[in-house]
Amino acid sequence: QVQLVESGGGLVQAGGSLGLSCAASGSIRSRNTMGWYRQAPGKQRELVATITSGGNTNYADFVKGRFTISRDNAKNTVYLQMNSLKPEDTAVYYCNYRWFDDYWGQGTQVTVSS
């Protein structure tokens, strides 16, 4: 089992920045993929960004150039730096750990006001 604890998020004005972090604990494998997904009201959960333990990243088109994902393997922690936030970025953001199975954090609310 893997446990994920997220922190960060909150309320910010459009154009502002926020940072999220997610610490994983439990049965952590040296090779894994961690990432962030989001779900807005009435919409399906969607990929934001992922990063492998080797540092390979993948971003959704709608965040490229604005969001940066990073990780600290020694701390089993993944980060998401969000810049130039837009009202449409408002959603619950979920941390994900993947190694055969998917594990999810509890979610953290990000609200961007116009």
N, C-alpha and C. Protein backbone atom coordinates (compact mmCIF):
# COMPACT_ATOMS: atom_id res chain seq x y z
N GLN A 1 0.83 -1.20 0.00
CA GLN A 1 0.00 0.00 0.00
C GLN A 1 0.87 1.25 0.00
N VAL A 2 0.34 2.28 -0.61
CA VAL A 2 1.01 3.57 -0.68
C VAL A 2 0.06 4.63 -0.18
N GLN A 3 0.55 5.51 0.66
CA GLN A 3 -0.25 6.62 1.16
C GLN A 3 0.32 7.92 0.59
N LEU A 4 -0.58 8.80 0.22
CA LEU A 4 -0.20 10.08 -0.38
C LEU A 4 -0.81 11.21 0.44
N VAL A 5 0.02 12.16 0.82
CA VAL A 5 -0.46 13.31 1.58
C VAL A 5 -0.12 14.57 0.80
N GLU A 6 -1.16 15.28 0.42
CA GLU A 6 -0.99 16.49 -0.37
C GLU A 6 -1.01 17.72 0.52
N SER A 7 -0.36 18.77 0.04
CA SER A 7 -0.42 20.06 0.70
C SER A 7 -0.30 21.14 -0.35
N GLY A 8 -0.73 22.33 0.04
CA GLY A 8 -0.73 23.44 -0.90
C GLY A 8 -2.14 23.69 -1.38
N GLY A 9 -2.26 24.41 -2.45
CA GLY A 9 -3.57 24.75 -2.96
C GLY A 9 -4.12 25.97 -2.25
N GLY A 10 -5.35 26.32 -2.58
CA GLY A 10 -5.99 27.48 -1.97
C GLY A 10 -6.62 28.38 -3.00
N LEU A 11 -6.74 29.63 -2.63
CA LEU A 11 -7.41 30.63 -3.47
C LEU A 11 -6.38 31.63 -3.98
N VAL A 12 -6.43 31.92 -5.27
CA VAL A 12 -5.50 32.87 -5.87
C VAL A 12 -6.20 33.62 -6.99
N GLN A 13 -5.76 34.81 -7.26
CA GLN A 13 -6.33 35.57 -8.37
C GLN A 13 -5.72 35.11 -9.69
N ALA A 14 -6.46 35.33 -10.74
CA ALA A 14 -5.98 34.99 -12.07
C ALA A 14 -4.63 35.67 -12.32
N GLY A 15 -3.72 34.89 -12.91
CA GLY A 15 -2.38 35.40 -13.15
C GLY A 15 -1.41 35.09 -12.04
N GLY A 16 -1.93 34.62 -10.92
CA GLY A 16 -1.09 34.32 -9.77
C GLY A 16 -0.49 32.93 -9.83
N SER A 17 0.19 32.56 -8.74
CA SER A 17 0.90 31.30 -8.67
C SER A 17 0.55 30.54 -7.40
N LEU A 18 0.62 29.24 -7.49
CA LEU A 18 0.44 28.36 -6.35
C LEU A 18 1.35 27.16 -6.51
N GLY A 19 1.70 26.55 -5.37
CA GLY A 19 2.50 25.34 -5.41
C GLY A 19 1.82 24.23 -4.64
N LEU A 20 1.89 23.04 -5.18
CA LEU A 20 1.36 21.84 -4.53
C LEU A 20 2.51 20.89 -4.25
N SER A 21 2.38 20.13 -3.20
CA SER A 21 3.33 19.06 -2.93
C SER A 21 2.59 17.82 -2.47
N CYS A 22 3.21 16.69 -2.66
CA CYS A 22 2.60 15.41 -2.31
C CYS A 22 3.70 14.46 -1.86
N ALA A 23 3.58 14.00 -0.63
CA ALA A 23 4.56 13.07 -0.08
C ALA A 23 3.98 11.66 -0.05
N ALA A 24 4.74 10.74 -0.58
CA ALA A 24 4.32 9.34 -0.62
C ALA A 24 5.03 8.56 0.48
N SER A 25 4.32 7.61 1.04
CA SER A 25 4.90 6.73 2.05
C SER A 25 4.31 5.34 1.91
N GLY A 26 4.96 4.37 2.54
CA GLY A 26 4.49 3.00 2.45
C GLY A 26 5.41 2.17 1.56
N SER A 27 4.80 1.34 0.74
CA SER A 27 5.56 0.42 -0.11
C SER A 27 5.97 1.13 -1.41
N ILE A 28 6.97 1.97 -1.28
CA ILE A 28 7.44 2.76 -2.42
C ILE A 28 8.45 1.96 -3.22
N ARG A 29 8.23 1.89 -4.53
CA ARG A 29 9.17 1.23 -5.42
C ARG A 29 10.13 2.26 -5.98
N SER A 30 11.36 1.85 -6.25
CA SER A 30 12.36 2.80 -6.75
C SER A 30 11.97 3.34 -8.12
N ARG A 31 11.31 2.51 -8.91
CA ARG A 31 10.83 2.97 -10.22
C ARG A 31 9.32 3.15 -10.15
N ASN A 32 8.89 4.37 -10.37
CA ASN A 32 7.46 4.65 -10.33
C ASN A 32 7.19 5.93 -11.08
N THR A 33 5.94 6.21 -11.25
CA THR A 33 5.51 7.47 -11.85
C THR A 33 4.58 8.17 -10.87
N MET A 34 4.84 9.43 -10.66
CA MET A 34 3.95 10.23 -9.83
C MET A 34 3.43 11.38 -10.66
N GLY A 35 2.31 11.89 -10.26
CA GLY A 35 1.76 12.97 -11.06
C GLY A 35 0.59 13.65 -10.40
N TRP A 36 0.02 14.55 -11.15
CA TRP A 36 -1.12 15.33 -10.70
C TRP A 36 -2.24 15.23 -11.74
N TYR A 37 -3.43 15.06 -11.23
CA TYR A 37 -4.64 15.09 -12.03
C TYR A 37 -5.57 16.10 -11.40
N ARG A 38 -6.58 16.51 -12.14
CA ARG A 38 -7.54 17.45 -11.57
C ARG A 38 -8.94 17.12 -12.03
N GLN A 39 -9.90 17.55 -11.22
CA GLN A 39 -11.30 17.33 -11.55
C GLN A 39 -12.09 18.56 -11.18
N ALA A 40 -12.69 19.16 -12.19
CA ALA A 40 -13.54 20.32 -11.99
C ALA A 40 -14.98 19.83 -11.82
N PRO A 41 -15.82 20.64 -11.20
CA PRO A 41 -17.22 20.22 -11.00
C PRO A 41 -17.90 19.85 -12.31
N GLY A 42 -18.52 18.71 -12.32
CA GLY A 42 -19.25 18.27 -13.50
C GLY A 42 -18.38 17.73 -14.61
N LYS A 43 -17.08 17.62 -14.38
CA LYS A 43 -16.17 17.13 -15.41
C LYS A 43 -15.43 15.89 -14.93
N GLN A 44 -14.87 15.18 -15.89
CA GLN A 44 -14.08 14.01 -15.54
C GLN A 44 -12.70 14.41 -15.05
N ARG A 45 -12.10 13.52 -14.29
CA ARG A 45 -10.73 13.74 -13.85
C ARG A 45 -9.81 13.71 -15.06
N GLU A 46 -8.86 14.64 -15.10
CA GLU A 46 -7.98 14.72 -16.25
C GLU A 46 -6.52 14.86 -15.81
N LEU A 47 -5.65 14.39 -16.68
CA LEU A 47 -4.22 14.48 -16.43
C LEU A 47 -3.75 15.93 -16.47
N VAL A 48 -2.91 16.28 -15.51
CA VAL A 48 -2.25 17.58 -15.54
C VAL A 48 -0.78 17.39 -15.94
N ALA A 49 -0.07 16.56 -15.16
CA ALA A 49 1.34 16.32 -15.45
C ALA A 49 1.80 15.08 -14.69
N THR A 50 2.75 14.39 -15.26
CA THR A 50 3.37 13.24 -14.60
C THR A 50 4.88 13.33 -14.72
N ILE A 51 5.55 12.62 -13.81
CA ILE A 51 7.01 12.57 -13.83
C ILE A 51 7.44 11.20 -13.34
N THR A 52 8.36 10.59 -14.07
CA THR A 52 8.85 9.28 -13.66
C THR A 52 9.98 9.45 -12.64
N SER A 53 10.35 8.35 -12.00
CA SER A 53 11.45 8.41 -11.05
C SER A 53 12.75 8.76 -11.75
N GLY A 54 12.80 8.57 -13.07
CA GLY A 54 13.98 8.96 -13.85
C GLY A 54 13.95 10.40 -14.31
N GLY A 55 12.84 11.08 -14.04
CA GLY A 55 12.76 12.50 -14.36
C GLY A 55 12.07 12.84 -15.67
N ASN A 56 11.54 11.85 -16.35
CA ASN A 56 10.81 12.13 -17.59
C ASN A 56 9.44 12.71 -17.26
N THR A 57 9.11 13.80 -17.93
CA THR A 57 7.86 14.50 -17.64
C THR A 57 6.89 14.43 -18.81
N ASN A 58 5.63 14.58 -18.47
CA ASN A 58 4.57 14.64 -19.47
C ASN A 58 3.55 15.66 -18.98
N TYR A 59 3.16 16.57 -19.87
CA TYR A 59 2.22 17.62 -19.49
C TYR A 59 1.00 17.61 -20.40
N ALA A 60 -0.13 17.96 -19.83
CA ALA A 60 -1.30 18.23 -20.65
C ALA A 60 -1.05 19.51 -21.43
N ASP A 61 -1.59 19.57 -22.62
CA ASP A 61 -1.35 20.74 -23.47
C ASP A 61 -1.78 22.04 -22.78
N PHE A 62 -2.85 21.97 -21.99
CA PHE A 62 -3.40 23.20 -21.43
C PHE A 62 -2.56 23.77 -20.28
N VAL A 63 -1.51 23.06 -19.86
CA VAL A 63 -0.64 23.60 -18.80
C VAL A 63 0.79 23.81 -19.26
N LYS A 64 1.09 23.41 -20.47
CA LYS A 64 2.46 23.56 -20.95
C LYS A 64 2.88 25.03 -20.94
N GLY A 65 4.05 25.27 -20.38
CA GLY A 65 4.57 26.62 -20.28
C GLY A 65 4.11 27.37 -19.04
N ARG A 66 3.14 26.81 -18.32
CA ARG A 66 2.63 27.47 -17.12
C ARG A 66 2.91 26.67 -15.85
N PHE A 67 2.81 25.36 -15.94
CA PHE A 67 3.00 24.49 -14.78
C PHE A 67 4.31 23.73 -14.92
N THR A 68 4.94 23.46 -13.79
CA THR A 68 6.16 22.66 -13.77
C THR A 68 6.06 21.58 -12.71
N ILE A 69 6.27 20.36 -13.12
CA ILE A 69 6.27 19.25 -12.18
C ILE A 69 7.71 18.86 -11.88
N SER A 70 7.96 18.50 -10.63
CA SER A 70 9.29 18.07 -10.22
C SER A 70 9.14 17.08 -9.08
N ARG A 71 10.23 16.43 -8.75
CA ARG A 71 10.16 15.47 -7.65
C ARG A 71 11.50 15.37 -6.95
N ASP A 72 11.42 14.92 -5.71
CA ASP A 72 12.60 14.63 -4.90
C ASP A 72 12.50 13.16 -4.53
N ASN A 73 13.27 12.34 -5.20
CA ASN A 73 13.17 10.90 -4.97
C ASN A 73 13.58 10.51 -3.55
N ALA A 74 14.51 11.22 -2.98
CA ALA A 74 14.95 10.92 -1.62
C ALA A 74 13.83 11.13 -0.61
N LYS A 75 12.94 12.06 -0.92
CA LYS A 75 11.82 12.36 -0.02
C LYS A 75 10.52 11.75 -0.51
N ASN A 76 10.56 11.05 -1.65
CA ASN A 76 9.34 10.47 -2.23
C ASN A 76 8.25 11.53 -2.35
N THR A 77 8.64 12.69 -2.82
CA THR A 77 7.72 13.82 -2.90
C THR A 77 7.70 14.38 -4.32
N VAL A 78 6.50 14.70 -4.76
CA VAL A 78 6.33 15.33 -6.06
C VAL A 78 5.74 16.72 -5.85
N TYR A 79 6.14 17.64 -6.71
CA TYR A 79 5.71 19.02 -6.60
C TYR A 79 5.06 19.46 -7.91
N LEU A 80 4.18 20.45 -7.78
CA LEU A 80 3.59 21.08 -8.96
C LEU A 80 3.60 22.58 -8.73
N GLN A 81 4.40 23.28 -9.50
CA GLN A 81 4.42 24.73 -9.46
C GLN A 81 3.50 25.25 -10.56
N MET A 82 2.52 26.02 -10.16
CA MET A 82 1.52 26.51 -11.10
C MET A 82 1.63 28.02 -11.21
N ASN A 83 1.96 28.50 -12.40
CA ASN A 83 2.07 29.93 -12.65
C ASN A 83 1.03 30.36 -13.68
N SER A 84 0.83 31.65 -13.77
CA SER A 84 -0.13 32.21 -14.73
C SER A 84 -1.47 31.48 -14.67
N LEU A 85 -1.96 31.32 -13.47
CA LEU A 85 -3.20 30.57 -13.27
C LEU A 85 -4.40 31.27 -13.90
N LYS A 86 -5.32 30.46 -14.40
CA LYS A 86 -6.53 30.95 -15.04
C LYS A 86 -7.75 30.45 -14.28
N PRO A 87 -8.87 31.14 -14.38
CA PRO A 87 -10.08 30.64 -13.70
C PRO A 87 -10.42 29.21 -14.10
N GLU A 88 -10.14 28.83 -15.32
CA GLU A 88 -10.45 27.46 -15.76
C GLU A 88 -9.53 26.42 -15.13
N ASP A 89 -8.51 26.85 -14.41
CA ASP A 89 -7.67 25.91 -13.66
C ASP A 89 -8.31 25.51 -12.33
N THR A 90 -9.41 26.14 -11.99
CA THR A 90 -10.11 25.82 -10.75
C THR A 90 -10.57 24.37 -10.76
N ALA A 91 -10.16 23.63 -9.76
CA ALA A 91 -10.48 22.21 -9.68
C ALA A 91 -9.94 21.64 -8.38
N VAL A 92 -10.31 20.41 -8.10
CA VAL A 92 -9.64 19.64 -7.05
C VAL A 92 -8.46 18.92 -7.71
N TYR A 93 -7.31 19.10 -7.17
CA TYR A 93 -6.09 18.50 -7.72
C TYR A 93 -5.72 17.27 -6.89
N TYR A 94 -5.49 16.17 -7.59
CA TYR A 94 -5.20 14.89 -6.94
C TYR A 94 -3.79 14.43 -7.29
N CYS A 95 -3.08 14.01 -6.28
CA CYS A 95 -1.78 13.40 -6.47
C CYS A 95 -1.97 11.92 -6.82
N ASN A 96 -1.12 11.43 -7.68
CA ASN A 96 -1.20 10.02 -8.11
C ASN A 96 0.18 9.37 -8.04
N TYR A 97 0.17 8.13 -7.58
CA TYR A 97 1.36 7.28 -7.60
C TYR A 97 1.01 6.03 -8.38
N ARG A 98 1.88 5.70 -9.32
CA ARG A 98 1.58 4.55 -10.17
C ARG A 98 2.76 3.59 -10.26
N TRP A 99 2.51 2.35 -9.87
CA TRP A 99 3.43 1.25 -10.11
C TRP A 99 2.57 0.01 -10.18
N PHE A 100 2.14 -0.34 -11.36
CA PHE A 100 1.14 -1.36 -11.61
C PHE A 100 -0.23 -0.87 -11.14
N ASP A 101 -0.38 -0.56 -9.88
CA ASP A 101 -1.65 -0.02 -9.37
C ASP A 101 -1.59 1.49 -9.24
N ASP A 102 -2.76 2.10 -9.18
CA ASP A 102 -2.87 3.54 -8.97
C ASP A 102 -3.25 3.82 -7.52
N TYR A 103 -2.55 4.79 -6.95
CA TYR A 103 -2.90 5.28 -5.63
C TYR A 103 -3.17 6.78 -5.73
N TRP A 104 -4.13 7.24 -4.93
CA TRP A 104 -4.56 8.63 -5.02
C TRP A 104 -4.50 9.32 -3.68
N GLY A 105 -4.18 10.61 -3.73
CA GLY A 105 -4.29 11.44 -2.55
C GLY A 105 -5.73 11.85 -2.33
N GLN A 106 -5.94 12.59 -1.25
CA GLN A 106 -7.31 12.96 -0.89
C GLN A 106 -7.82 14.14 -1.71
N GLY A 107 -6.92 14.82 -2.39
CA GLY A 107 -7.31 15.95 -3.21
C GLY A 107 -7.16 17.26 -2.47
N THR A 108 -6.79 18.30 -3.20
CA THR A 108 -6.67 19.63 -2.61
C THR A 108 -7.31 20.64 -3.58
N GLN A 109 -8.08 21.54 -3.03
CA GLN A 109 -8.83 22.49 -3.84
C GLN A 109 -7.93 23.64 -4.30
N VAL A 110 -8.01 23.93 -5.57
CA VAL A 110 -7.37 25.11 -6.15
C VAL A 110 -8.47 25.96 -6.77
N THR A 111 -8.58 27.19 -6.33
CA THR A 111 -9.59 28.10 -6.84
C THR A 111 -8.91 29.35 -7.37
N VAL A 112 -9.20 29.66 -8.63
CA VAL A 112 -8.61 30.83 -9.28
C VAL A 112 -9.74 31.80 -9.58
N SER A 113 -9.68 32.96 -8.97
CA SER A 113 -10.73 33.96 -9.17
C SER A 113 -10.36 34.90 -10.32
N SER A 114 -11.38 35.36 -11.01
CA SER A 114 -11.15 36.24 -12.16
C SER A 114 -11.11 37.70 -11.74
